[in-house]
Amino acid sequence: TRRSSDLEQIHHCYFGRWYASVEQVDLLKEPAYQSIGDIHAQLHQQVRLLVEKIQQDKPLSIEDYNHFTEINKSFRQAVSDLKGTIKHDLKLIATLMGKVFENAEEGVIITDKRANILNVNPAFCRVTGYSRDEVLGQNPRILHSGRQDKAFYDNLWHQLLHNNRWEGEIWNRRKDGKIYPEWLSITAVVDDGGEVT
């Protein structure tokens, strides 16, 4: 049980904090997103009523319990609907992923399977000194410093081809010629058939 002064804290759940923090306009407009707000508020209201009854040593009726259970089921269904909407709405996924890509603190390069650069984020440009237009269509080897030998790259490619991932420290060269160390993670994205995309 909780003291009466703690009742207001019940509303501050993890979901409520996430729900209130969403800023993506496309997501805010989604009917599945909007419907959750009312159901979420009803769920908290019912919880408050149940807690108050318990604190006042009043018995909980089967109706109280059933009402709470129904709202809880509705809430779970609404969350499931929202997940389904996000999962199948490619435009919304692209928008959300674009926000992550643009605002990442780490430099990010996206290449095709032949390692031609398709896109870079603003952090990449800040770190390397290259603009996006200067690197599109180029190979990431434009950053090579010459400090790593052939055995280093053979191992890198071996790991990438067998595990679809490589991670480690590497020395690269900025546009102005300065050499710098960085922690690099490379991930190969594969399709359902295991082919690199």
N, C-alpha and C. Protein backbone atom coordinates (compact mmCIF):
# COMPACT_ATOMS: atom_id res chain seq x y z
N THR A 1 0.85 -1.19 0.00
CA THR A 1 0.00 0.00 0.00
C THR A 1 0.88 1.24 0.00
N ARG A 2 0.26 2.37 -0.36
CA ARG A 2 0.98 3.64 -0.38
C ARG A 2 0.25 4.65 0.48
N ARG A 3 1.00 5.62 0.97
CA ARG A 3 0.38 6.72 1.70
C ARG A 3 -0.35 7.62 0.71
N SER A 4 -1.32 8.38 1.17
CA SER A 4 -2.10 9.26 0.29
C SER A 4 -1.19 10.23 -0.45
N SER A 5 -0.15 10.70 0.21
CA SER A 5 0.74 11.67 -0.43
C SER A 5 1.51 11.05 -1.60
N ASP A 6 1.53 9.69 -1.64
CA ASP A 6 2.25 9.01 -2.72
C ASP A 6 1.36 8.73 -3.92
N LEU A 7 0.06 8.96 -3.79
CA LEU A 7 -0.86 8.58 -4.87
C LEU A 7 -0.53 9.28 -6.17
N GLU A 8 -0.11 10.53 -6.09
CA GLU A 8 0.19 11.25 -7.33
C GLU A 8 1.36 10.64 -8.08
N GLN A 9 2.26 9.94 -7.38
CA GLN A 9 3.42 9.34 -8.02
C GLN A 9 3.06 8.15 -8.90
N ILE A 10 1.89 7.55 -8.66
CA ILE A 10 1.49 6.36 -9.41
C ILE A 10 1.42 6.67 -10.91
N HIS A 11 1.00 7.87 -11.24
CA HIS A 11 0.82 8.22 -12.65
C HIS A 11 2.15 8.29 -13.41
N HIS A 12 3.24 8.46 -12.69
CA HIS A 12 4.52 8.67 -13.37
C HIS A 12 5.19 7.33 -13.69
N CYS A 13 4.54 6.55 -14.55
CA CYS A 13 5.10 5.26 -14.94
C CYS A 13 6.05 5.46 -16.12
N TYR A 14 6.78 4.41 -16.46
CA TYR A 14 7.74 4.48 -17.57
C TYR A 14 7.03 4.75 -18.89
N PHE A 15 5.92 4.08 -19.12
CA PHE A 15 5.19 4.30 -20.36
C PHE A 15 4.72 5.74 -20.46
N GLY A 16 4.17 6.27 -19.36
CA GLY A 16 3.68 7.65 -19.36
C GLY A 16 4.78 8.64 -19.68
N ARG A 17 5.98 8.40 -19.14
CA ARG A 17 7.10 9.29 -19.44
C ARG A 17 7.47 9.23 -20.91
N TRP A 18 7.49 8.00 -21.47
CA TRP A 18 7.81 7.87 -22.90
C TRP A 18 6.74 8.56 -23.74
N TYR A 19 5.48 8.29 -23.42
CA TYR A 19 4.36 8.82 -24.19
C TYR A 19 4.39 10.35 -24.22
N ALA A 20 4.71 10.95 -23.08
CA ALA A 20 4.74 12.41 -22.99
C ALA A 20 5.96 13.01 -23.68
N SER A 21 7.00 12.19 -23.93
CA SER A 21 8.23 12.72 -24.50
C SER A 21 8.28 12.65 -26.02
N VAL A 22 7.31 11.97 -26.65
CA VAL A 22 7.34 11.79 -28.10
C VAL A 22 7.20 13.14 -28.80
N GLU A 23 8.08 13.40 -29.76
CA GLU A 23 8.05 14.66 -30.50
C GLU A 23 7.87 14.47 -32.00
N GLN A 24 7.99 13.22 -32.50
CA GLN A 24 7.88 12.99 -33.94
C GLN A 24 6.45 13.26 -34.40
N VAL A 25 6.30 14.24 -35.30
CA VAL A 25 4.98 14.67 -35.75
C VAL A 25 4.22 13.51 -36.39
N ASP A 26 4.91 12.70 -37.21
CA ASP A 26 4.23 11.58 -37.86
C ASP A 26 3.66 10.60 -36.85
N LEU A 27 4.39 10.36 -35.78
CA LEU A 27 3.92 9.44 -34.76
C LEU A 27 2.78 10.07 -33.95
N LEU A 28 2.88 11.36 -33.67
CA LEU A 28 1.83 12.05 -32.91
C LEU A 28 0.48 12.02 -33.64
N LYS A 29 0.53 11.97 -34.98
CA LYS A 29 -0.70 11.97 -35.78
C LYS A 29 -1.33 10.59 -35.91
N GLU A 30 -0.57 9.54 -35.56
CA GLU A 30 -1.08 8.18 -35.72
C GLU A 30 -2.28 7.93 -34.81
N PRO A 31 -3.43 7.48 -35.36
CA PRO A 31 -4.60 7.17 -34.52
C PRO A 31 -4.26 6.15 -33.42
N ALA A 32 -3.41 5.17 -33.76
CA ALA A 32 -3.03 4.17 -32.76
C ALA A 32 -2.29 4.80 -31.59
N TYR A 33 -1.50 5.83 -31.88
CA TYR A 33 -0.78 6.54 -30.82
C TYR A 33 -1.75 7.38 -30.00
N GLN A 34 -2.62 8.10 -30.68
CA GLN A 34 -3.54 9.00 -29.98
C GLN A 34 -4.50 8.25 -29.07
N SER A 35 -4.96 7.07 -29.49
CA SER A 35 -5.94 6.33 -28.69
C SER A 35 -5.36 5.83 -27.37
N ILE A 36 -4.04 5.63 -27.34
CA ILE A 36 -3.43 5.11 -26.12
C ILE A 36 -3.53 6.10 -24.97
N GLY A 37 -3.49 7.38 -25.26
CA GLY A 37 -3.51 8.40 -24.21
C GLY A 37 -4.72 8.27 -23.30
N ASP A 38 -5.90 8.15 -23.88
CA ASP A 38 -7.13 8.03 -23.09
C ASP A 38 -7.15 6.73 -22.29
N ILE A 39 -6.76 5.64 -22.94
CA ILE A 39 -6.78 4.34 -22.25
C ILE A 39 -5.77 4.34 -21.11
N HIS A 40 -4.62 4.93 -21.34
CA HIS A 40 -3.58 5.02 -20.32
C HIS A 40 -4.08 5.81 -19.11
N ALA A 41 -4.76 6.92 -19.38
CA ALA A 41 -5.32 7.74 -18.29
C ALA A 41 -6.39 6.97 -17.51
N GLN A 42 -7.25 6.22 -18.23
CA GLN A 42 -8.28 5.42 -17.57
C GLN A 42 -7.65 4.35 -16.68
N LEU A 43 -6.59 3.74 -17.17
CA LEU A 43 -5.91 2.70 -16.40
C LEU A 43 -5.38 3.27 -15.08
N HIS A 44 -4.74 4.44 -15.15
CA HIS A 44 -4.23 5.06 -13.93
C HIS A 44 -5.36 5.48 -12.99
N GLN A 45 -6.44 5.96 -13.55
CA GLN A 45 -7.58 6.36 -12.72
C GLN A 45 -8.13 5.14 -11.96
N GLN A 46 -8.25 4.02 -12.66
CA GLN A 46 -8.76 2.82 -12.02
C GLN A 46 -7.80 2.31 -10.95
N VAL A 47 -6.51 2.40 -11.23
CA VAL A 47 -5.51 1.98 -10.23
C VAL A 47 -5.62 2.86 -8.98
N ARG A 48 -5.79 4.17 -9.19
CA ARG A 48 -5.93 5.07 -8.04
C ARG A 48 -7.13 4.67 -7.17
N LEU A 49 -8.25 4.37 -7.84
CA LEU A 49 -9.46 3.98 -7.10
C LEU A 49 -9.22 2.70 -6.29
N LEU A 50 -8.56 1.74 -6.91
CA LEU A 50 -8.27 0.49 -6.21
C LEU A 50 -7.35 0.72 -5.02
N VAL A 51 -6.34 1.53 -5.21
CA VAL A 51 -5.38 1.81 -4.12
C VAL A 51 -6.08 2.54 -2.98
N GLU A 52 -6.92 3.52 -3.33
CA GLU A 52 -7.65 4.25 -2.30
C GLU A 52 -8.55 3.31 -1.48
N LYS A 53 -9.22 2.37 -2.15
CA LYS A 53 -10.08 1.41 -1.43
C LYS A 53 -9.25 0.55 -0.49
N ILE A 54 -8.10 0.11 -0.98
CA ILE A 54 -7.23 -0.73 -0.14
C ILE A 54 -6.75 0.06 1.07
N GLN A 55 -6.36 1.33 0.86
CA GLN A 55 -5.88 2.16 1.97
C GLN A 55 -6.98 2.41 3.00
N GLN A 56 -8.21 2.45 2.54
CA GLN A 56 -9.33 2.71 3.45
C GLN A 56 -9.94 1.41 3.97
N ASP A 57 -9.24 0.31 3.73
CA ASP A 57 -9.70 -1.02 4.17
C ASP A 57 -11.10 -1.36 3.66
N LYS A 58 -11.44 -0.86 2.47
CA LYS A 58 -12.71 -1.21 1.85
C LYS A 58 -12.50 -2.45 0.98
N PRO A 59 -13.47 -3.34 0.95
CA PRO A 59 -13.31 -4.55 0.12
C PRO A 59 -13.36 -4.21 -1.37
N LEU A 60 -12.59 -4.94 -2.15
CA LEU A 60 -12.63 -4.78 -3.61
C LEU A 60 -13.69 -5.72 -4.16
N SER A 61 -14.56 -5.15 -4.97
CA SER A 61 -15.62 -5.98 -5.55
C SER A 61 -15.12 -6.66 -6.82
N ILE A 62 -15.83 -7.68 -7.24
CA ILE A 62 -15.48 -8.37 -8.48
C ILE A 62 -15.63 -7.41 -9.67
N GLU A 63 -16.56 -6.44 -9.56
CA GLU A 63 -16.74 -5.45 -10.61
C GLU A 63 -15.51 -4.55 -10.72
N ASP A 64 -14.96 -4.16 -9.54
CA ASP A 64 -13.74 -3.34 -9.55
C ASP A 64 -12.62 -4.07 -10.28
N TYR A 65 -12.46 -5.33 -9.91
CA TYR A 65 -11.39 -6.14 -10.50
C TYR A 65 -11.61 -6.33 -12.00
N ASN A 66 -12.85 -6.65 -12.39
CA ASN A 66 -13.15 -6.87 -13.81
C ASN A 66 -12.94 -5.60 -14.64
N HIS A 67 -13.35 -4.47 -14.07
CA HIS A 67 -13.17 -3.20 -14.78
C HIS A 67 -11.69 -2.92 -15.00
N PHE A 68 -10.87 -3.13 -13.97
CA PHE A 68 -9.43 -2.94 -14.09
C PHE A 68 -8.86 -3.89 -15.15
N THR A 69 -9.30 -5.15 -15.14
CA THR A 69 -8.80 -6.15 -16.08
C THR A 69 -9.14 -5.77 -17.52
N GLU A 70 -10.36 -5.26 -17.74
CA GLU A 70 -10.80 -4.87 -19.08
C GLU A 70 -9.98 -3.68 -19.60
N ILE A 71 -9.76 -2.69 -18.73
CA ILE A 71 -8.97 -1.53 -19.15
C ILE A 71 -7.54 -1.96 -19.45
N ASN A 72 -7.01 -2.83 -18.62
CA ASN A 72 -5.65 -3.32 -18.82
C ASN A 72 -5.54 -4.06 -20.16
N LYS A 73 -6.55 -4.86 -20.49
CA LYS A 73 -6.55 -5.57 -21.78
C LYS A 73 -6.61 -4.57 -22.93
N SER A 74 -7.45 -3.54 -22.78
CA SER A 74 -7.56 -2.51 -23.82
C SER A 74 -6.24 -1.79 -24.02
N PHE A 75 -5.56 -1.51 -22.90
CA PHE A 75 -4.27 -0.83 -22.97
C PHE A 75 -3.25 -1.69 -23.70
N ARG A 76 -3.18 -2.96 -23.35
CA ARG A 76 -2.24 -3.88 -24.01
C ARG A 76 -2.53 -3.99 -25.50
N GLN A 77 -3.81 -4.03 -25.85
CA GLN A 77 -4.19 -4.11 -27.27
C GLN A 77 -3.78 -2.84 -28.01
N ALA A 78 -3.99 -1.68 -27.36
CA ALA A 78 -3.62 -0.41 -27.99
C ALA A 78 -2.12 -0.34 -28.22
N VAL A 79 -1.33 -0.80 -27.26
CA VAL A 79 0.12 -0.82 -27.43
C VAL A 79 0.50 -1.76 -28.56
N SER A 80 -0.16 -2.91 -28.63
CA SER A 80 0.10 -3.86 -29.71
C SER A 80 -0.25 -3.25 -31.07
N ASP A 81 -1.38 -2.53 -31.13
CA ASP A 81 -1.78 -1.87 -32.38
C ASP A 81 -0.74 -0.84 -32.80
N LEU A 82 -0.23 -0.08 -31.83
CA LEU A 82 0.77 0.92 -32.15
C LEU A 82 2.05 0.27 -32.68
N LYS A 83 2.47 -0.82 -32.04
CA LYS A 83 3.65 -1.54 -32.52
C LYS A 83 3.43 -2.01 -33.95
N GLY A 84 2.24 -2.54 -34.21
CA GLY A 84 1.92 -3.02 -35.56
C GLY A 84 1.93 -1.90 -36.57
N THR A 85 1.39 -0.74 -36.19
CA THR A 85 1.38 0.41 -37.09
C THR A 85 2.79 0.85 -37.42
N ILE A 86 3.63 0.96 -36.39
CA ILE A 86 5.01 1.39 -36.61
C ILE A 86 5.75 0.36 -37.45
N LYS A 87 5.52 -0.92 -37.17
CA LYS A 87 6.24 -1.99 -37.87
C LYS A 87 5.90 -2.01 -39.35
N HIS A 88 4.65 -1.72 -39.70
CA HIS A 88 4.21 -1.84 -41.09
C HIS A 88 4.17 -0.51 -41.84
N ASP A 89 4.35 0.60 -41.14
CA ASP A 89 4.33 1.90 -41.80
C ASP A 89 5.75 2.27 -42.18
N LEU A 90 6.13 1.92 -43.40
CA LEU A 90 7.51 2.13 -43.84
C LEU A 90 7.90 3.60 -43.83
N LYS A 91 6.95 4.47 -44.14
CA LYS A 91 7.25 5.90 -44.14
C LYS A 91 7.57 6.38 -42.72
N LEU A 92 6.76 5.92 -41.75
CA LEU A 92 6.99 6.30 -40.36
C LEU A 92 8.31 5.74 -39.86
N ILE A 93 8.60 4.47 -40.19
CA ILE A 93 9.87 3.87 -39.79
C ILE A 93 11.02 4.67 -40.36
N ALA A 94 10.91 5.03 -41.65
CA ALA A 94 11.97 5.81 -42.30
C ALA A 94 12.16 7.15 -41.61
N THR A 95 11.05 7.79 -41.22
CA THR A 95 11.14 9.08 -40.53
C THR A 95 11.84 8.94 -39.18
N LEU A 96 11.42 7.93 -38.41
CA LEU A 96 12.02 7.73 -37.08
C LEU A 96 13.50 7.35 -37.20
N MET A 97 13.82 6.46 -38.14
CA MET A 97 15.22 6.07 -38.33
C MET A 97 16.04 7.24 -38.83
N GLY A 98 15.44 8.08 -39.67
CA GLY A 98 16.13 9.26 -40.15
C GLY A 98 16.50 10.20 -39.02
N LYS A 99 15.60 10.34 -38.05
CA LYS A 99 15.88 11.19 -36.89
C LYS A 99 17.06 10.64 -36.10
N VAL A 100 17.06 9.31 -35.90
CA VAL A 100 18.17 8.68 -35.17
C VAL A 100 19.48 8.90 -35.92
N PHE A 101 19.45 8.67 -37.23
CA PHE A 101 20.64 8.81 -38.08
C PHE A 101 21.18 10.24 -38.03
N GLU A 102 20.30 11.21 -38.21
CA GLU A 102 20.72 12.61 -38.26
C GLU A 102 21.26 13.11 -36.93
N ASN A 103 20.71 12.60 -35.82
CA ASN A 103 21.06 13.14 -34.51
C ASN A 103 22.06 12.29 -33.73
N ALA A 104 22.54 11.21 -34.33
CA ALA A 104 23.52 10.37 -33.64
C ALA A 104 24.79 11.16 -33.37
N GLU A 105 25.37 10.94 -32.19
CA GLU A 105 26.63 11.60 -31.84
C GLU A 105 27.79 10.98 -32.60
N GLU A 106 27.66 9.70 -32.97
CA GLU A 106 28.73 9.00 -33.67
C GLU A 106 28.58 9.22 -35.18
N GLY A 107 29.73 9.27 -35.86
CA GLY A 107 29.70 9.34 -37.31
C GLY A 107 29.18 8.03 -37.88
N VAL A 108 28.31 8.11 -38.89
CA VAL A 108 27.74 6.92 -39.49
C VAL A 108 27.89 6.99 -41.01
N ILE A 109 28.33 5.86 -41.60
CA ILE A 109 28.39 5.72 -43.05
C ILE A 109 27.47 4.56 -43.42
N ILE A 110 26.67 4.75 -44.46
CA ILE A 110 25.88 3.66 -45.02
C ILE A 110 26.41 3.42 -46.43
N THR A 111 26.76 2.15 -46.72
CA THR A 111 27.26 1.81 -48.05
C THR A 111 26.36 0.75 -48.68
N ASP A 112 26.53 0.57 -49.99
CA ASP A 112 25.90 -0.59 -50.62
C ASP A 112 26.80 -1.79 -50.42
N LYS A 113 26.43 -2.95 -50.99
CA LYS A 113 27.20 -4.16 -50.73
C LYS A 113 28.58 -4.14 -51.40
N ARG A 114 28.80 -3.19 -52.31
CA ARG A 114 30.13 -3.04 -52.91
C ARG A 114 30.96 -1.99 -52.19
N ALA A 115 30.46 -1.53 -51.05
CA ALA A 115 31.13 -0.54 -50.20
C ALA A 115 31.18 0.86 -50.81
N ASN A 116 30.25 1.16 -51.72
CA ASN A 116 30.12 2.53 -52.21
C ASN A 116 29.26 3.31 -51.23
N ILE A 117 29.71 4.49 -50.83
CA ILE A 117 28.99 5.28 -49.81
C ILE A 117 27.68 5.81 -50.37
N LEU A 118 26.59 5.47 -49.67
CA LEU A 118 25.25 5.94 -50.04
C LEU A 118 24.82 7.15 -49.23
N ASN A 119 25.29 7.21 -47.98
CA ASN A 119 24.90 8.33 -47.12
C ASN A 119 25.83 8.41 -45.92
N VAL A 120 25.97 9.61 -45.39
CA VAL A 120 26.71 9.84 -44.14
C VAL A 120 25.89 10.82 -43.32
N ASN A 121 26.10 10.80 -42.00
CA ASN A 121 25.35 11.73 -41.15
C ASN A 121 26.21 12.96 -40.81
N PRO A 122 25.60 13.99 -40.22
CA PRO A 122 26.35 15.21 -39.89
C PRO A 122 27.54 14.97 -38.99
N ALA A 123 27.45 14.00 -38.06
CA ALA A 123 28.58 13.72 -37.17
C ALA A 123 29.78 13.22 -37.96
N PHE A 124 29.55 12.42 -39.00
CA PHE A 124 30.64 11.96 -39.86
C PHE A 124 31.34 13.16 -40.49
N CYS A 125 30.57 14.10 -40.97
CA CYS A 125 31.14 15.29 -41.62
C CYS A 125 31.96 16.11 -40.62
N ARG A 126 31.48 16.24 -39.37
CA ARG A 126 32.22 16.99 -38.36
C ARG A 126 33.55 16.30 -38.04
N VAL A 127 33.53 14.97 -37.94
CA VAL A 127 34.74 14.24 -37.56
C VAL A 127 35.77 14.25 -38.67
N THR A 128 35.33 14.00 -39.91
CA THR A 128 36.28 13.80 -41.01
C THR A 128 36.63 15.06 -41.77
N GLY A 129 35.76 16.06 -41.71
CA GLY A 129 35.99 17.28 -42.48
C GLY A 129 35.45 17.20 -43.90
N TYR A 130 34.98 16.04 -44.31
CA TYR A 130 34.38 15.89 -45.65
C TYR A 130 32.91 16.27 -45.60
N SER A 131 32.43 16.90 -46.68
CA SER A 131 31.00 17.14 -46.78
C SER A 131 30.33 15.88 -47.32
N ARG A 132 29.03 15.82 -47.17
CA ARG A 132 28.28 14.66 -47.67
C ARG A 132 28.48 14.50 -49.17
N ASP A 133 28.39 15.61 -49.92
CA ASP A 133 28.52 15.53 -51.38
C ASP A 133 29.89 15.02 -51.81
N GLU A 134 30.92 15.31 -51.02
CA GLU A 134 32.27 14.89 -51.39
C GLU A 134 32.48 13.38 -51.27
N VAL A 135 31.69 12.72 -50.42
CA VAL A 135 31.93 11.29 -50.19
C VAL A 135 30.91 10.37 -50.84
N LEU A 136 29.76 10.89 -51.28
CA LEU A 136 28.76 10.02 -51.89
C LEU A 136 29.35 9.33 -53.12
N GLY A 137 29.17 8.02 -53.17
CA GLY A 137 29.71 7.24 -54.28
C GLY A 137 31.16 6.81 -54.10
N GLN A 138 31.83 7.39 -53.11
CA GLN A 138 33.22 7.02 -52.84
C GLN A 138 33.26 5.75 -52.00
N ASN A 139 34.46 5.19 -51.86
CA ASN A 139 34.68 4.05 -50.98
C ASN A 139 35.24 4.58 -49.65
N PRO A 140 34.88 3.99 -48.52
CA PRO A 140 35.42 4.46 -47.24
C PRO A 140 36.94 4.46 -47.16
N ARG A 141 37.61 3.82 -48.13
CA ARG A 141 39.08 3.82 -48.08
C ARG A 141 39.66 5.23 -48.28
N ILE A 142 38.82 6.20 -48.66
CA ILE A 142 39.33 7.57 -48.75
C ILE A 142 39.81 8.06 -47.37
N LEU A 143 39.39 7.36 -46.31
CA LEU A 143 39.81 7.73 -44.95
C LEU A 143 41.07 6.98 -44.50
N HIS A 144 41.53 6.02 -45.29
CA HIS A 144 42.68 5.20 -44.86
C HIS A 144 43.89 6.05 -44.54
N SER A 145 44.51 5.72 -43.44
CA SER A 145 45.70 6.46 -42.99
C SER A 145 46.99 5.82 -43.45
N GLY A 146 46.95 4.54 -43.79
CA GLY A 146 48.17 3.82 -44.15
C GLY A 146 48.85 3.18 -42.95
N ARG A 147 48.28 3.36 -41.76
CA ARG A 147 48.90 2.81 -40.54
C ARG A 147 48.62 1.32 -40.34
N GLN A 148 47.51 0.83 -40.92
CA GLN A 148 47.19 -0.59 -40.79
C GLN A 148 47.74 -1.36 -41.98
N ASP A 149 48.27 -2.57 -41.72
CA ASP A 149 48.83 -3.36 -42.81
C ASP A 149 47.77 -4.26 -43.44
N LYS A 150 48.17 -5.02 -44.46
CA LYS A 150 47.26 -5.90 -45.18
C LYS A 150 46.64 -6.95 -44.25
N ALA A 151 47.43 -7.47 -43.32
CA ALA A 151 46.93 -8.50 -42.39
C ALA A 151 45.77 -7.95 -41.56
N PHE A 152 45.83 -6.68 -41.17
CA PHE A 152 44.77 -6.03 -40.41
C PHE A 152 43.46 -6.07 -41.19
N TYR A 153 43.54 -5.65 -42.48
CA TYR A 153 42.33 -5.60 -43.30
C TYR A 153 41.84 -6.99 -43.69
N ASP A 154 42.77 -7.93 -43.87
CA ASP A 154 42.37 -9.32 -44.14
C ASP A 154 41.54 -9.86 -42.97
N ASN A 155 41.99 -9.59 -41.75
CA ASN A 155 41.26 -10.04 -40.56
C ASN A 155 39.90 -9.34 -40.46
N LEU A 156 39.88 -8.03 -40.73
CA LEU A 156 38.64 -7.26 -40.69
C LEU A 156 37.61 -7.87 -41.65
N TRP A 157 38.02 -8.12 -42.89
CA TRP A 157 37.09 -8.66 -43.88
C TRP A 157 36.69 -10.10 -43.56
N HIS A 158 37.62 -10.87 -43.01
CA HIS A 158 37.29 -12.24 -42.62
C HIS A 158 36.18 -12.23 -41.56
N GLN A 159 36.33 -11.36 -40.54
CA GLN A 159 35.31 -11.26 -39.49
C GLN A 159 33.97 -10.78 -40.06
N LEU A 160 34.05 -9.81 -40.94
CA LEU A 160 32.83 -9.23 -41.52
C LEU A 160 32.09 -10.25 -42.38
N LEU A 161 32.83 -11.02 -43.18
CA LEU A 161 32.20 -12.00 -44.07
C LEU A 161 31.64 -13.20 -43.31
N HIS A 162 32.27 -13.56 -42.18
CA HIS A 162 31.83 -14.74 -41.44
C HIS A 162 30.84 -14.41 -40.31
N ASN A 163 30.95 -13.22 -39.74
CA ASN A 163 30.11 -12.86 -38.59
C ASN A 163 29.17 -11.68 -38.88
N ASN A 164 29.28 -11.10 -40.08
CA ASN A 164 28.50 -9.90 -40.46
C ASN A 164 28.79 -8.71 -39.54
N ARG A 165 29.94 -8.76 -38.86
CA ARG A 165 30.26 -7.67 -37.93
C ARG A 165 31.76 -7.62 -37.66
N TRP A 166 32.29 -6.40 -37.53
CA TRP A 166 33.65 -6.20 -37.06
C TRP A 166 33.66 -4.96 -36.19
N GLU A 167 34.49 -5.01 -35.14
CA GLU A 167 34.59 -3.85 -34.25
C GLU A 167 36.01 -3.76 -33.73
N GLY A 168 36.55 -2.56 -33.70
CA GLY A 168 37.90 -2.39 -33.18
C GLY A 168 38.42 -0.98 -33.41
N GLU A 169 39.65 -0.75 -32.97
CA GLU A 169 40.28 0.56 -33.15
C GLU A 169 40.98 0.63 -34.49
N ILE A 170 40.86 1.75 -35.13
CA ILE A 170 41.47 1.95 -36.44
C ILE A 170 41.96 3.40 -36.53
N TRP A 171 43.02 3.60 -37.28
CA TRP A 171 43.52 4.95 -37.53
C TRP A 171 43.02 5.40 -38.89
N ASN A 172 42.38 6.57 -38.94
CA ASN A 172 41.89 7.12 -40.20
C ASN A 172 42.47 8.51 -40.44
N ARG A 173 42.25 9.01 -41.65
CA ARG A 173 42.81 10.31 -42.04
C ARG A 173 41.67 11.26 -42.40
N ARG A 174 41.70 12.45 -41.78
CA ARG A 174 40.71 13.48 -42.09
C ARG A 174 41.03 14.12 -43.44
N LYS A 175 40.09 14.91 -43.91
CA LYS A 175 40.27 15.61 -45.20
C LYS A 175 41.51 16.50 -45.17
N ASP A 176 41.80 17.11 -44.01
CA ASP A 176 42.96 18.00 -43.92
C ASP A 176 44.28 17.24 -43.76
N GLY A 177 44.23 15.89 -43.79
CA GLY A 177 45.45 15.08 -43.71
C GLY A 177 45.81 14.61 -42.33
N LYS A 178 45.15 15.13 -41.30
CA LYS A 178 45.47 14.72 -39.94
C LYS A 178 44.97 13.30 -39.69
N ILE A 179 45.83 12.51 -39.04
CA ILE A 179 45.49 11.13 -38.71
C ILE A 179 44.92 11.08 -37.29
N TYR A 180 43.89 10.29 -37.11
CA TYR A 180 43.23 10.21 -35.80
C TYR A 180 42.77 8.78 -35.54
N PRO A 181 42.75 8.36 -34.27
CA PRO A 181 42.23 7.03 -33.95
C PRO A 181 40.72 7.09 -33.74
N GLU A 182 40.04 6.01 -34.10
CA GLU A 182 38.60 5.94 -33.81
C GLU A 182 38.22 4.50 -33.51
N TRP A 183 37.15 4.34 -32.76
CA TRP A 183 36.59 3.02 -32.50
C TRP A 183 35.52 2.81 -33.56
N LEU A 184 35.72 1.80 -34.40
CA LEU A 184 34.87 1.58 -35.56
C LEU A 184 34.05 0.31 -35.40
N SER A 185 32.77 0.40 -35.70
CA SER A 185 31.90 -0.78 -35.74
C SER A 185 31.33 -0.88 -37.15
N ILE A 186 31.49 -2.05 -37.77
CA ILE A 186 30.94 -2.28 -39.10
C ILE A 186 29.94 -3.43 -38.98
N THR A 187 28.74 -3.23 -39.52
CA THR A 187 27.73 -4.27 -39.51
C THR A 187 27.21 -4.47 -40.92
N ALA A 188 27.20 -5.74 -41.37
CA ALA A 188 26.61 -6.07 -42.67
C ALA A 188 25.13 -6.36 -42.46
N VAL A 189 24.29 -5.68 -43.20
CA VAL A 189 22.85 -5.90 -43.13
C VAL A 189 22.49 -6.94 -44.17
N VAL A 190 21.84 -8.02 -43.73
CA VAL A 190 21.51 -9.11 -44.65
C VAL A 190 20.00 -9.29 -44.78
N ASP A 191 19.59 -9.85 -45.92
CA ASP A 191 18.16 -10.13 -46.12
C ASP A 191 17.79 -11.49 -45.55
N ASP A 192 16.56 -11.92 -45.75
CA ASP A 192 16.10 -13.18 -45.18
C ASP A 192 16.89 -14.38 -45.71
N GLY A 193 17.47 -14.24 -46.88
CA GLY A 193 18.26 -15.32 -47.46
C GLY A 193 19.71 -15.29 -47.06
N GLY A 194 20.08 -14.32 -46.20
CA GLY A 194 21.46 -14.21 -45.74
C GLY A 194 22.36 -13.42 -46.67
N GLU A 195 21.78 -12.82 -47.72
CA GLU A 195 22.59 -12.03 -48.67
C GLU A 195 22.76 -10.62 -48.14
N VAL A 196 23.97 -10.09 -48.27
CA VAL A 196 24.24 -8.72 -47.84
C VAL A 196 23.49 -7.75 -48.73
N THR A 197 22.79 -6.82 -48.09
CA THR A 197 22.05 -5.81 -48.85
C THR A 197 22.72 -4.44 -48.77
